Amino acid sequence: MMAQSTAEAASSEHDLVLLADKFKGMDNVQSAEANAAGDELDIVFDTDGKPSGKDFCVVLHRSEEGRDNGAYVTDSIEVYYCTPGQRSGMIYDLDTGRHFTAEEVGS
């Protein structure tokens, strides 16, 4: 569910910094940070320590192909169990893509 929710939210926003801000406003999100290059977003979902005192870390990797009328982005979403400062063992992944218009891209 977290990977699907991440994919749906990612399809609404081209800018990962703005997307991180959207995630920070969600009740079940502990943190959401985009990297400086703007091609990765790390999200920690709070699951009340279930299972086994761990939360879920979702990592969204974004690649982009510029087009005359905007850009096509491909998102690779990975879900991990995590504890503070450490993620281990990918448990799910999902790939998706979307075309953003020139207006959405800001060009």
N, C-alpha and C. Protein backbone atom coordinates (compact mmCIF):
# COMPACT_ATOMS: atom_id res chain seq x y z
N MET A 1 0.81 -1.19 0.00
CA MET A 1 0.00 0.00 0.00
C MET A 1 0.86 1.26 0.00
N MET A 2 1.98 1.23 0.73
CA MET A 2 2.85 2.41 0.78
C MET A 2 3.48 2.70 -0.57
N ALA A 3 3.88 1.66 -1.28
CA ALA A 3 4.47 1.87 -2.61
C ALA A 3 3.43 2.45 -3.56
N GLN A 4 2.22 1.94 -3.52
CA GLN A 4 1.15 2.45 -4.38
C GLN A 4 0.80 3.89 -4.02
N SER A 5 0.70 4.18 -2.73
CA SER A 5 0.42 5.56 -2.30
C SER A 5 1.53 6.51 -2.74
N THR A 6 2.76 6.05 -2.65
CA THR A 6 3.90 6.86 -3.08
C THR A 6 3.82 7.12 -4.58
N ALA A 7 3.49 6.08 -5.36
CA ALA A 7 3.38 6.23 -6.81
C ALA A 7 2.27 7.21 -7.17
N GLU A 8 1.15 7.12 -6.50
CA GLU A 8 0.04 8.02 -6.79
C GLU A 8 0.40 9.47 -6.46
N ALA A 9 1.04 9.68 -5.32
CA ALA A 9 1.45 11.03 -4.96
C ALA A 9 2.51 11.55 -5.91
N ALA A 10 3.46 10.70 -6.30
CA ALA A 10 4.54 11.11 -7.21
C ALA A 10 4.01 11.51 -8.57
N SER A 11 2.90 10.93 -8.98
CA SER A 11 2.33 11.28 -10.28
C SER A 11 1.70 12.67 -10.27
N SER A 12 1.54 13.25 -9.08
CA SER A 12 0.92 14.57 -8.98
C SER A 12 1.92 15.71 -8.93
N GLU A 13 3.22 15.39 -8.81
CA GLU A 13 4.21 16.45 -8.61
C GLU A 13 5.53 16.12 -9.29
N HIS A 14 5.98 17.02 -10.14
CA HIS A 14 7.25 16.85 -10.85
C HIS A 14 8.45 17.13 -9.94
N ASP A 15 8.34 18.13 -9.08
CA ASP A 15 9.44 18.56 -8.22
C ASP A 15 9.47 17.72 -6.94
N LEU A 16 10.57 16.97 -6.72
CA LEU A 16 10.63 16.08 -5.57
C LEU A 16 10.71 16.83 -4.24
N VAL A 17 11.23 18.03 -4.23
CA VAL A 17 11.26 18.82 -2.99
C VAL A 17 9.82 19.17 -2.58
N LEU A 18 9.01 19.59 -3.54
CA LEU A 18 7.60 19.88 -3.25
C LEU A 18 6.84 18.61 -2.88
N LEU A 19 7.20 17.50 -3.52
CA LEU A 19 6.58 16.22 -3.19
C LEU A 19 6.93 15.83 -1.75
N ALA A 20 8.18 16.03 -1.35
CA ALA A 20 8.57 15.73 0.03
C ALA A 20 7.73 16.54 1.01
N ASP A 21 7.47 17.80 0.70
CA ASP A 21 6.63 18.64 1.56
C ASP A 21 5.22 18.08 1.68
N LYS A 22 4.69 17.56 0.58
CA LYS A 22 3.35 16.94 0.62
C LYS A 22 3.36 15.74 1.55
N PHE A 23 4.40 14.90 1.46
CA PHE A 23 4.48 13.73 2.32
C PHE A 23 4.62 14.12 3.78
N LYS A 24 5.37 15.17 4.07
CA LYS A 24 5.57 15.61 5.46
C LYS A 24 4.24 16.00 6.11
N GLY A 25 3.27 16.37 5.33
CA GLY A 25 1.96 16.74 5.85
C GLY A 25 1.05 15.56 6.14
N MET A 26 1.49 14.35 5.81
CA MET A 26 0.66 13.16 6.04
C MET A 26 0.83 12.68 7.49
N ASP A 27 -0.25 12.19 8.07
CA ASP A 27 -0.24 11.75 9.46
C ASP A 27 0.72 10.60 9.74
N ASN A 28 0.85 9.67 8.81
CA ASN A 28 1.64 8.47 9.07
C ASN A 28 3.08 8.56 8.54
N VAL A 29 3.57 9.77 8.26
CA VAL A 29 4.92 9.95 7.74
C VAL A 29 5.79 10.60 8.81
N GLN A 30 6.90 9.93 9.16
CA GLN A 30 7.85 10.48 10.13
C GLN A 30 8.75 11.51 9.48
N SER A 31 9.22 11.21 8.26
CA SER A 31 10.12 12.12 7.56
C SER A 31 10.03 11.88 6.06
N ALA A 32 10.39 12.92 5.30
CA ALA A 32 10.44 12.84 3.84
C ALA A 32 11.47 13.87 3.38
N GLU A 33 12.50 13.40 2.69
CA GLU A 33 13.58 14.29 2.26
C GLU A 33 13.99 13.95 0.83
N ALA A 34 14.08 14.98 0.00
CA ALA A 34 14.62 14.83 -1.36
C ALA A 34 16.12 15.09 -1.30
N ASN A 35 16.88 14.38 -2.13
CA ASN A 35 18.32 14.63 -2.15
C ASN A 35 18.62 15.90 -2.95
N ALA A 36 19.85 16.37 -2.84
CA ALA A 36 20.25 17.64 -3.48
C ALA A 36 20.16 17.57 -5.00
N ALA A 37 20.39 16.40 -5.58
CA ALA A 37 20.34 16.26 -7.04
C ALA A 37 18.91 16.26 -7.57
N GLY A 38 17.93 16.07 -6.68
CA GLY A 38 16.53 16.08 -7.10
C GLY A 38 16.09 14.83 -7.82
N ASP A 39 16.79 13.72 -7.59
CA ASP A 39 16.42 12.48 -8.28
C ASP A 39 16.09 11.34 -7.32
N GLU A 40 16.02 11.64 -6.00
CA GLU A 40 15.70 10.61 -5.03
C GLU A 40 14.95 11.22 -3.86
N LEU A 41 13.99 10.49 -3.38
CA LEU A 41 13.18 10.91 -2.24
C LEU A 41 13.14 9.76 -1.25
N ASP A 42 13.47 10.06 0.01
CA ASP A 42 13.43 9.06 1.08
C ASP A 42 12.29 9.40 2.03
N ILE A 43 11.41 8.43 2.27
CA ILE A 43 10.24 8.63 3.11
C ILE A 43 10.23 7.54 4.17
N VAL A 44 9.99 7.92 5.42
CA VAL A 44 9.83 6.95 6.50
C VAL A 44 8.39 7.00 6.96
N PHE A 45 7.70 5.87 6.80
CA PHE A 45 6.32 5.73 7.24
C PHE A 45 6.31 5.15 8.65
N ASP A 46 5.55 5.75 9.54
CA ASP A 46 5.40 5.29 10.92
C ASP A 46 4.34 4.21 10.95
N THR A 47 4.71 3.03 11.41
CA THR A 47 3.75 1.94 11.50
C THR A 47 3.60 1.47 12.94
N ASP A 48 3.85 2.37 13.89
CA ASP A 48 3.75 2.05 15.31
C ASP A 48 4.63 0.87 15.70
N GLY A 49 5.78 0.76 15.04
CA GLY A 49 6.74 -0.29 15.39
C GLY A 49 6.32 -1.68 15.03
N LYS A 50 5.41 -1.82 14.10
CA LYS A 50 4.98 -3.16 13.68
C LYS A 50 5.39 -3.36 12.24
N PRO A 51 6.09 -4.38 11.90
CA PRO A 51 6.48 -5.52 12.74
C PRO A 51 7.79 -5.27 13.48
N SER A 52 7.93 -5.89 14.61
CA SER A 52 9.18 -6.01 15.36
C SER A 52 9.92 -4.70 15.58
N GLY A 53 9.23 -3.63 15.95
CA GLY A 53 9.89 -2.38 16.27
C GLY A 53 10.48 -1.65 15.08
N LYS A 54 10.07 -2.02 13.87
CA LYS A 54 10.61 -1.39 12.66
C LYS A 54 9.54 -0.56 11.98
N ASP A 55 9.99 0.40 11.20
CA ASP A 55 9.09 1.17 10.36
C ASP A 55 9.39 0.81 8.91
N PHE A 56 8.71 1.42 7.98
CA PHE A 56 8.95 1.18 6.57
C PHE A 56 9.60 2.41 5.95
N CYS A 57 10.68 2.19 5.23
CA CYS A 57 11.35 3.23 4.47
C CYS A 57 11.01 3.03 3.00
N VAL A 58 10.59 4.09 2.36
CA VAL A 58 10.29 4.04 0.94
C VAL A 58 11.27 4.97 0.24
N VAL A 59 11.94 4.44 -0.78
CA VAL A 59 12.90 5.22 -1.55
C VAL A 59 12.38 5.32 -2.97
N LEU A 60 12.22 6.55 -3.44
CA LEU A 60 11.77 6.79 -4.80
C LEU A 60 12.96 7.31 -5.60
N HIS A 61 13.35 6.59 -6.63
CA HIS A 61 14.40 7.01 -7.56
C HIS A 61 13.72 7.52 -8.82
N ARG A 62 14.06 8.73 -9.25
CA ARG A 62 13.41 9.31 -10.42
C ARG A 62 14.44 9.58 -11.51
N SER A 63 14.10 9.13 -12.72
CA SER A 63 14.88 9.50 -13.90
C SER A 63 13.94 10.24 -14.84
N GLU A 64 14.52 11.10 -15.65
CA GLU A 64 13.70 11.99 -16.49
C GLU A 64 14.25 12.07 -17.89
N GLU A 65 13.34 12.05 -18.85
CA GLU A 65 13.69 12.23 -20.26
C GLU A 65 12.96 13.47 -20.75
N GLY A 66 13.73 14.50 -21.10
CA GLY A 66 13.13 15.73 -21.60
C GLY A 66 12.49 15.52 -22.96
N ARG A 67 11.39 16.19 -23.16
CA ARG A 67 10.68 16.15 -24.44
C ARG A 67 10.28 17.57 -24.80
N ASP A 68 10.00 17.81 -26.07
CA ASP A 68 9.63 19.15 -26.51
C ASP A 68 8.42 19.69 -25.75
N ASN A 69 7.50 18.82 -25.41
CA ASN A 69 6.27 19.26 -24.77
C ASN A 69 6.25 18.95 -23.27
N GLY A 70 7.43 18.78 -22.66
CA GLY A 70 7.50 18.50 -21.22
C GLY A 70 8.58 17.48 -20.92
N ALA A 71 8.26 16.52 -20.06
CA ALA A 71 9.23 15.50 -19.66
C ALA A 71 8.49 14.22 -19.29
N TYR A 72 9.13 13.10 -19.57
CA TYR A 72 8.62 11.81 -19.13
C TYR A 72 9.50 11.36 -17.98
N VAL A 73 8.88 11.06 -16.83
CA VAL A 73 9.64 10.60 -15.68
C VAL A 73 9.32 9.14 -15.41
N THR A 74 10.35 8.42 -14.98
CA THR A 74 10.21 7.05 -14.56
C THR A 74 10.58 6.99 -13.09
N ASP A 75 9.70 6.45 -12.27
CA ASP A 75 9.94 6.32 -10.84
C ASP A 75 10.10 4.85 -10.49
N SER A 76 11.18 4.56 -9.79
CA SER A 76 11.41 3.24 -9.23
C SER A 76 11.24 3.38 -7.73
N ILE A 77 10.28 2.69 -7.17
CA ILE A 77 9.94 2.81 -5.76
C ILE A 77 10.31 1.51 -5.06
N GLU A 78 11.11 1.64 -3.99
CA GLU A 78 11.57 0.48 -3.22
C GLU A 78 11.10 0.64 -1.78
N VAL A 79 10.65 -0.46 -1.19
CA VAL A 79 10.19 -0.46 0.20
C VAL A 79 11.11 -1.36 1.01
N TYR A 80 11.56 -0.83 2.16
CA TYR A 80 12.46 -1.54 3.07
C TYR A 80 11.88 -1.50 4.47
N TYR A 81 12.27 -2.48 5.31
CA TYR A 81 12.12 -2.33 6.75
C TYR A 81 13.24 -1.40 7.19
N CYS A 82 12.99 -0.58 8.19
CA CYS A 82 14.08 0.27 8.66
C CYS A 82 13.98 0.54 10.15
N THR A 83 15.12 0.86 10.71
CA THR A 83 15.25 1.37 12.05
C THR A 83 15.98 2.70 11.89
N PRO A 84 15.97 3.57 12.89
CA PRO A 84 16.60 4.89 12.69
C PRO A 84 18.00 4.81 12.09
N GLY A 85 18.16 5.49 10.95
CA GLY A 85 19.45 5.56 10.29
C GLY A 85 19.89 4.33 9.53
N GLN A 86 19.04 3.35 9.41
CA GLN A 86 19.45 2.11 8.75
C GLN A 86 18.27 1.45 8.07
N ARG A 87 18.46 1.02 6.82
CA ARG A 87 17.43 0.23 6.14
C ARG A 87 18.03 -1.11 5.78
N SER A 88 17.18 -2.12 5.76
CA SER A 88 17.69 -3.45 5.45
C SER A 88 16.63 -4.25 4.71
N GLY A 89 17.08 -5.04 3.77
CA GLY A 89 16.24 -5.99 3.08
C GLY A 89 15.04 -5.42 2.35
N MET A 90 15.23 -5.11 1.07
CA MET A 90 14.11 -4.62 0.28
C MET A 90 13.01 -5.68 0.29
N ILE A 91 11.77 -5.23 0.55
CA ILE A 91 10.65 -6.18 0.62
C ILE A 91 9.67 -6.01 -0.53
N TYR A 92 9.80 -4.90 -1.29
CA TYR A 92 8.87 -4.68 -2.40
C TYR A 92 9.44 -3.60 -3.29
N ASP A 93 9.15 -3.71 -4.59
CA ASP A 93 9.51 -2.62 -5.50
C ASP A 93 8.43 -2.46 -6.56
N LEU A 94 8.36 -1.24 -7.10
CA LEU A 94 7.33 -0.89 -8.06
C LEU A 94 7.91 0.14 -9.01
N ASP A 95 7.71 -0.03 -10.29
CA ASP A 95 8.14 0.94 -11.30
C ASP A 95 6.91 1.56 -11.95
N THR A 96 6.99 2.85 -12.17
CA THR A 96 5.88 3.57 -12.80
C THR A 96 6.43 4.75 -13.57
N GLY A 97 5.62 5.34 -14.42
CA GLY A 97 6.06 6.50 -15.18
C GLY A 97 4.90 7.41 -15.51
N ARG A 98 5.26 8.65 -15.85
CA ARG A 98 4.23 9.63 -16.20
C ARG A 98 4.84 10.74 -17.04
N HIS A 99 4.04 11.26 -17.94
CA HIS A 99 4.43 12.44 -18.71
C HIS A 99 3.95 13.69 -17.98
N PHE A 100 4.87 14.65 -17.75
CA PHE A 100 4.52 15.95 -17.19
C PHE A 100 4.60 16.97 -18.31
N THR A 101 3.60 17.82 -18.41
CA THR A 101 3.59 18.85 -19.45
C THR A 101 4.66 19.90 -19.16
N ALA A 102 4.95 20.73 -20.15
CA ALA A 102 5.93 21.80 -19.97
C ALA A 102 5.53 22.72 -18.82
N GLU A 103 4.24 22.99 -18.66
CA GLU A 103 3.76 23.82 -17.57
C GLU A 103 4.03 23.18 -16.22
N GLU A 104 3.81 21.87 -16.12
CA GLU A 104 4.05 21.16 -14.86
C GLU A 104 5.53 21.10 -14.53
N VAL A 105 6.36 21.01 -15.56
CA VAL A 105 7.81 20.96 -15.38
C VAL A 105 8.36 22.34 -15.04
N GLY A 106 7.66 23.36 -15.49
CA GLY A 106 8.11 24.72 -15.23
C GLY A 106 9.01 25.28 -16.32
N SER A 107 8.88 24.72 -17.52
CA SER A 107 9.71 25.23 -18.63
C SER A 107 8.88 25.97 -19.64
